[in-house]
Amino acid sequence: MNNDWLEIHLTVPNDAIDPLCAVLNELGSTGVTVEERELDTFVPPDPDEQVTPSQQLKAYFSATTDVDALLDSINRALRTLSGEFPERTMTPPRVERLQPLDWAENWKQNFFTFHIGDRLVVKPSWEDHHATRDETVINIDPGMAFGTGTHATTRLCLEALVTFIDAHPRPRVLDVGTGSGILAIAAAALGAQHVVACDIDPGACHVASENTRLNQVAERIEITATPLENLPGGFDLILANILAEENIRLLPEFLNRLNPQGVLVLSGILIEKEPQVCAAFHDHGLSAPIIRHEDEWTCIQFRRER
């Protein structure tokens, strides 16, 4: 596994941050920071903190990435965005190499132990927690992978997961875009009989595998980089904490793998894209959506009725 990472520096208008972050994610970014504030790939900047018309972004990519092709793609995206924001200036991307320790230390400054309801505790591997008898504690070391659970998209998924397993003991669970493995590990720790966690990023699969061993649930979680369309079905619960567009694209694959009366939980969706996702999933043998919001984010839950 390569130990170096590419750090791409850009300056863009505030209004261009969301669409550019989506582009960077599609190009394979493992994380983005805006100014001095640590952000996950999904997380937009807080409008209350935007005091200047432009912000500095840093996006992180594996060192194995084709730099020339990456910069070409980013420049094309910037040219497109410059047409939407002609009065604002954008700087071309600049590349530096980053050692993994720098990233790990940044995570440690922004990741603390927290609770999901009364039952689940998520904590960094480097912190101590004295659990009560009723608490299930999972340890997460995100490394270079997405997913500490501290932001709305993952918290909403964790809440849905806890509620589902409370009502459906020992389900079969599929975690699409597993990142650090946090959802898969929580599912196994809460009693799922078998969990498949897939991610197209081999680095994320490595981190997720390490975290399954850390939590002593590796025997019940299958970590794989196999594309979703090549995975078997038969799942009672599918969790997909990915972008809205990817949730829509993968609709047929979700349905082909979800058991009758199974539940599909979609997250990573900005509230403004909620109608688009609901429309795409309408009239596919699914129940009316159960929708929950946190900050700027939506979590949409369906039950397969046929």
Protein backbone atom coordinates (compact mmCIF):
# COMPACT_ATOMS: atom_id res chain seq x y z
CA MET A 1 0.00 0.00 0.00
CA ASN A 2 1.45 3.37 -1.01
CA ASN A 3 2.26 5.66 1.92
CA ASP A 4 2.23 9.00 0.08
CA TRP A 5 -0.79 11.14 -0.79
CA LEU A 6 -1.42 13.99 -3.20
CA GLU A 7 -2.68 17.27 -1.74
CA ILE A 8 -4.37 19.49 -4.33
CA HIS A 9 -4.60 23.21 -3.43
CA LEU A 10 -7.30 25.42 -5.01
CA THR A 11 -9.02 28.74 -4.36
CA VAL A 12 -12.66 28.98 -5.47
CA PRO A 13 -15.73 31.19 -4.83
CA ASN A 14 -17.86 30.17 -1.87
CA ASP A 15 -20.79 29.29 -4.14
CA ALA A 16 -18.59 26.92 -6.16
CA ILE A 17 -17.43 24.82 -3.19
CA ASP A 18 -20.34 22.36 -3.15
CA PRO A 19 -20.27 21.50 -6.89
CA LEU A 20 -16.47 21.33 -6.91
CA CYS A 21 -16.43 18.98 -3.88
CA ALA A 22 -18.85 16.72 -5.73
CA VAL A 23 -16.51 16.68 -8.73
CA LEU A 24 -13.49 15.96 -6.53
CA ASN A 25 -15.35 13.08 -4.90
CA GLU A 26 -16.21 11.60 -8.32
CA LEU A 27 -12.53 11.85 -9.27
CA GLY A 28 -11.59 9.74 -6.25
CA SER A 29 -10.83 12.26 -3.52
CA THR A 30 -10.51 10.70 -0.07
CA GLY A 31 -11.23 13.97 1.75
CA VAL A 32 -11.42 17.76 1.46
CA THR A 33 -10.56 20.64 3.79
CA VAL A 34 -11.86 24.21 3.44
CA GLU A 35 -9.56 26.83 4.94
CA GLU A 36 -8.59 25.52 8.39
CA ARG A 37 -11.80 23.53 8.92
CA GLU A 38 -11.61 19.76 8.45
CA LEU A 39 -14.36 18.45 6.21
CA ASP A 40 -15.44 15.10 4.94
CA THR A 41 -15.85 14.77 1.17
CA PHE A 42 -19.61 15.20 1.61
CA VAL A 43 -19.63 18.13 4.01
CA PRO A 44 -20.32 21.65 2.70
CA PRO A 45 -18.91 24.76 4.39
CA ASP A 46 -20.94 26.48 7.08
CA PRO A 47 -22.48 29.60 5.47
CA ASP A 48 -22.15 31.48 8.75
CA GLU A 49 -18.38 31.12 8.53
CA GLN A 50 -18.02 32.45 4.97
CA VAL A 51 -16.59 35.91 5.50
CA THR A 52 -14.69 36.21 2.21
CA PRO A 53 -15.96 35.68 -1.37
CA SER A 54 -13.48 32.83 -1.96
CA GLN A 55 -12.07 29.94 0.07
CA GLN A 56 -8.95 27.81 -0.10
CA LEU A 57 -9.58 24.09 -0.63
CA LYS A 58 -7.26 21.14 -0.15
CA ALA A 59 -8.30 17.83 -1.70
CA TYR A 60 -6.52 14.54 -1.04
CA PHE A 61 -5.86 11.73 -3.52
CA SER A 62 -3.85 8.52 -3.55
CA ALA A 63 -0.30 9.01 -4.83
CA THR A 64 -1.02 6.32 -7.43
CA THR A 65 -3.43 8.72 -9.14
CA ASP A 66 -2.47 9.87 -12.66
CA VAL A 67 -1.57 13.48 -11.80
CA ASP A 68 -1.78 14.86 -15.35
CA ALA A 69 -5.21 13.32 -15.93
CA LEU A 70 -6.41 14.49 -12.51
CA LEU A 71 -5.29 18.09 -13.07
CA ASP A 72 -6.84 18.07 -16.53
CA SER A 73 -10.18 16.96 -15.08
CA ILE A 74 -10.03 19.55 -12.29
CA ASN A 75 -9.18 22.33 -14.76
CA ARG A 76 -12.13 21.34 -16.95
CA ALA A 77 -14.41 21.53 -13.91
CA LEU A 78 -13.00 24.94 -12.97
CA ARG A 79 -13.60 26.25 -16.49
CA THR A 80 -17.20 25.09 -16.30
CA LEU A 81 -17.71 26.69 -12.90
CA SER A 82 -16.06 29.93 -13.98
CA GLY A 83 -18.91 30.38 -16.44
CA GLU A 84 -21.39 30.20 -13.58
CA PHE A 85 -19.39 32.61 -11.36
CA PRO A 86 -17.75 35.00 -13.89
CA GLU A 87 -17.27 37.77 -11.37
CA ARG A 88 -15.15 35.58 -9.08
CA THR A 89 -11.56 34.43 -9.51
CA MET A 90 -10.30 30.86 -9.23
CA THR A 91 -6.72 29.71 -8.90
CA PRO A 92 -5.44 26.72 -10.89
CA PRO A 93 -4.75 23.57 -8.88
CA ARG A 94 -1.35 23.14 -7.23
CA VAL A 95 -0.03 19.71 -6.19
CA GLU A 96 2.00 18.72 -3.12
CA ARG A 97 2.84 15.32 -1.65
CA LEU A 98 1.64 14.56 1.87
CA GLN A 99 2.76 11.89 4.32
CA PRO A 100 -0.09 9.89 5.94
CA LEU A 101 0.85 11.00 9.47
CA ASP A 102 -0.22 14.58 8.63
CA TRP A 103 -3.73 13.37 7.72
CA ALA A 104 -4.01 11.09 10.74
CA GLU A 105 -3.11 13.90 13.11
CA ASN A 106 -5.75 16.16 11.54
CA TRP A 107 -8.41 13.51 12.15
CA LYS A 108 -7.38 13.19 15.79
CA GLN A 109 -8.03 16.89 16.34
CA ASN A 110 -11.65 16.60 15.14
CA PHE A 111 -12.87 13.14 16.22
CA PHE A 112 -14.21 12.49 19.72
CA THR A 113 -16.29 9.81 21.45
CA PHE A 114 -20.05 10.20 20.89
CA HIS A 115 -23.30 8.29 21.45
CA ILE A 116 -26.03 7.16 19.07
CA GLY A 117 -29.06 6.84 21.32
CA ASP A 118 -28.57 4.89 24.54
CA ARG A 119 -27.12 1.77 22.96
CA LEU A 120 -24.24 2.60 20.60
CA VAL A 121 -20.98 4.41 21.40
CA VAL A 122 -18.50 5.34 18.68
CA LYS A 123 -15.03 6.28 19.83
CA PRO A 124 -11.60 6.94 18.31
CA SER A 125 -9.18 4.07 18.82
CA TRP A 126 -6.90 6.39 20.80
CA GLU A 127 -9.50 7.40 23.41
CA ASP A 128 -10.71 5.49 26.49
CA HIS A 129 -14.36 4.94 27.37
CA HIS A 130 -15.81 3.07 30.36
CA ALA A 131 -18.87 1.39 28.90
CA THR A 132 -22.02 0.62 30.84
CA ARG A 133 -23.50 -2.88 30.68
CA ASP A 134 -26.04 -1.84 28.02
CA GLU A 135 -23.63 0.00 25.71
CA THR A 136 -22.12 -1.39 22.52
CA VAL A 137 -18.79 0.35 21.87
CA ILE A 138 -17.02 0.41 18.51
CA ASN A 139 -13.53 1.75 17.89
CA ILE A 140 -12.73 3.60 14.67
CA ASP A 141 -9.40 4.73 13.24
CA PRO A 142 -10.39 6.46 9.98
CA GLY A 143 -6.87 6.70 8.56
CA MET A 144 -7.27 7.99 5.01
CA ALA A 145 -10.81 6.65 4.62
CA PHE A 146 -14.12 8.49 4.92
CA GLY A 147 -16.20 7.90 8.03
CA THR A 148 -15.87 8.87 11.67
CA GLY A 149 -19.61 9.21 12.27
CA THR A 150 -19.29 12.74 13.61
CA HIS A 151 -21.07 14.39 10.69
CA ALA A 152 -24.74 14.27 9.76
CA THR A 153 -24.61 11.81 6.85
CA THR A 154 -23.06 8.99 8.88
CA ARG A 155 -24.92 9.80 12.09
CA LEU A 156 -28.24 9.52 10.26
CA CYS A 157 -27.22 6.11 8.92
CA LEU A 158 -26.12 4.93 12.35
CA GLU A 159 -29.44 6.01 13.87
CA ALA A 160 -31.35 4.13 11.16
CA LEU A 161 -29.14 1.08 11.69
CA VAL A 162 -29.73 0.96 15.45
CA THR A 163 -33.50 1.30 14.99
CA PHE A 164 -33.59 -1.45 12.36
CA ILE A 165 -31.54 -3.98 14.33
CA ASP A 166 -33.57 -3.34 17.48
CA ALA A 167 -36.64 -4.50 15.51
CA HIS A 168 -34.95 -7.12 13.29
CA PRO A 169 -32.31 -9.13 15.19
CA ARG A 170 -29.55 -10.88 13.21
CA PRO A 171 -30.12 -9.33 9.76
CA ARG A 172 -27.92 -9.65 6.69
CA VAL A 173 -26.51 -6.18 5.95
CA LEU A 174 -24.86 -4.59 2.91
CA ASP A 175 -22.81 -1.40 3.40
CA VAL A 176 -22.18 0.35 0.07
CA GLY A 177 -19.21 2.74 0.07
CA THR A 178 -17.96 1.54 3.44
CA GLY A 179 -15.04 3.98 3.87
CA SER A 180 -13.61 3.39 7.34
CA GLY A 181 -16.08 0.51 7.83
CA ILE A 182 -17.98 2.30 10.58
CA LEU A 183 -21.49 1.25 9.48
CA ALA A 184 -20.50 -2.35 8.80
CA ILE A 185 -18.73 -2.64 12.15
CA ALA A 186 -21.67 -1.09 14.01
CA ALA A 187 -24.02 -3.57 12.30
CA ALA A 188 -21.88 -6.56 13.30
CA ALA A 189 -21.36 -5.28 16.85
CA LEU A 190 -25.12 -4.80 17.27
CA GLY A 191 -25.83 -8.39 16.23
CA ALA A 192 -26.03 -8.68 12.42
CA GLN A 193 -25.36 -12.29 11.42
CA HIS A 194 -23.40 -11.32 8.30
CA VAL A 195 -22.25 -8.02 6.77
CA VAL A 196 -20.81 -7.27 3.34
CA ALA A 197 -18.96 -3.95 3.08
CA CYS A 198 -17.93 -2.80 -0.38
CA ASP A 199 -15.88 0.15 -1.57
CA ILE A 200 -14.24 0.83 -4.93
CA ASP A 201 -11.24 2.40 -3.15
CA PRO A 202 -8.70 -0.29 -2.17
CA GLY A 203 -7.28 2.08 0.46
CA ALA A 204 -10.67 2.32 2.15
CA CYS A 205 -10.98 -1.48 2.09
CA HIS A 206 -7.60 -1.73 3.84
CA VAL A 207 -8.64 0.73 6.56
CA ALA A 208 -12.02 -0.96 6.99
CA SER A 209 -10.31 -4.36 7.36
CA GLU A 210 -8.01 -2.98 10.04
CA ASN A 211 -11.01 -1.56 11.91
CA THR A 212 -12.91 -4.88 11.77
CA ARG A 213 -9.93 -6.57 13.42
CA LEU A 214 -9.68 -3.77 15.97
CA ASN A 215 -13.31 -4.43 16.93
CA GLN A 216 -13.00 -8.24 16.78
CA VAL A 217 -15.81 -8.60 14.22
CA ALA A 218 -13.72 -9.54 11.17
CA GLU A 219 -15.23 -13.03 11.00
CA ARG A 220 -18.71 -11.57 10.40
CA ILE A 221 -17.77 -8.83 7.90
CA GLU A 222 -16.73 -9.41 4.31
CA ILE A 223 -14.73 -6.40 3.02
CA THR A 224 -14.56 -6.24 -0.76
CA ALA A 225 -13.60 -3.92 -3.62
CA THR A 226 -15.89 -5.92 -5.94
CA PRO A 227 -18.31 -3.59 -7.75
CA LEU A 228 -21.87 -3.69 -6.43
CA GLU A 229 -23.24 -5.14 -9.67
CA ASN A 230 -21.06 -8.23 -9.17
CA LEU A 231 -22.10 -8.91 -5.57
CA PRO A 232 -24.79 -11.47 -4.60
CA GLY A 233 -28.11 -10.42 -3.06
CA GLY A 234 -30.24 -11.57 -0.16
CA PHE A 235 -29.87 -8.59 2.22
CA ASP A 236 -32.36 -7.45 4.83
CA LEU A 237 -30.78 -4.00 5.14
CA ILE A 238 -28.77 -1.97 2.62
CA LEU A 239 -26.96 1.18 3.77
CA ALA A 240 -25.65 3.59 1.12
CA ASN A 241 -23.95 6.72 2.45
CA ILE A 242 -22.93 8.07 -0.94
CA LEU A 243 -23.81 11.01 -3.17
CA ALA A 244 -27.39 11.54 -4.38
CA GLU A 245 -26.45 10.92 -7.99
CA GLU A 246 -24.75 7.63 -7.12
CA ASN A 247 -27.77 6.50 -5.10
CA ILE A 248 -29.95 7.11 -8.15
CA ARG A 249 -27.54 5.38 -10.53
CA LEU A 250 -27.37 2.29 -8.33
CA LEU A 251 -31.16 1.96 -7.89
CA PRO A 252 -31.45 -1.27 -9.95
CA GLU A 253 -28.51 -2.83 -8.13
CA PHE A 254 -30.02 -2.02 -4.74
CA LEU A 255 -33.39 -3.54 -5.68
CA ASN A 256 -31.75 -6.69 -7.05
CA ARG A 257 -30.04 -7.30 -3.71
CA LEU A 258 -32.75 -6.31 -1.23
CA ASN A 259 -35.00 -9.00 0.26
CA PRO A 260 -38.80 -8.55 0.27
CA GLN A 261 -39.69 -6.40 3.29
CA GLY A 262 -36.03 -5.38 3.43
CA VAL A 263 -35.04 -1.79 4.17
CA LEU A 264 -32.91 0.55 2.04
CA VAL A 265 -31.26 3.52 3.78
CA LEU A 266 -29.87 6.26 1.53
CA SER A 267 -27.71 9.07 2.91
CA GLY A 268 -25.08 11.52 1.64
CA ILE A 269 -27.94 13.52 0.08
CA LEU A 270 -28.18 17.30 0.30
CA ILE A 271 -31.69 18.45 1.22
CA GLU A 272 -31.99 20.29 -2.08
CA LYS A 273 -31.57 16.96 -3.92
CA GLU A 274 -34.13 15.10 -1.80
CA PRO A 275 -37.00 15.52 -4.33
CA GLN A 276 -34.77 14.20 -7.13
CA VAL A 277 -33.92 11.04 -5.19
CA CYS A 278 -37.49 10.43 -4.03
CA ALA A 279 -38.77 10.81 -7.61
CA ALA A 280 -36.21 8.32 -8.93
CA PHE A 281 -37.19 5.67 -6.35
CA HIS A 282 -40.95 6.20 -6.70
CA ASP A 283 -43.05 3.33 -8.08
CA HIS A 284 -40.42 0.57 -7.78
CA GLY A 285 -42.29 -1.60 -5.31
CA LEU A 286 -41.05 0.47 -2.39
CA SER A 287 -42.96 2.01 0.53
CA ALA A 288 -43.44 5.72 0.93
CA PRO A 289 -40.13 7.20 2.08
CA ILE A 290 -39.29 7.90 5.70
CA ILE A 291 -37.24 11.10 5.64
CA ARG A 292 -35.02 12.55 8.35
CA HIS A 293 -32.90 15.69 8.26
CA GLU A 294 -29.82 16.90 10.06
CA ASP A 295 -28.08 20.16 9.15
CA GLU A 296 -28.08 20.38 5.32
CA TRP A 297 -28.48 16.62 4.88
CA THR A 298 -31.25 14.12 4.17
CA CYS A 299 -31.51 10.43 5.00
CA ILE A 300 -34.22 8.59 3.04
CA GLN A 301 -35.47 5.15 4.05
CA PHE A 302 -37.58 2.78 1.96
CA ARG A 303 -39.04 -0.67 2.61
CA ARG A 304 -39.33 -3.12 -0.27
CA GLU A 305 -42.98 -4.19 -0.46
CA ARG A 306 -42.70 -6.48 -3.48
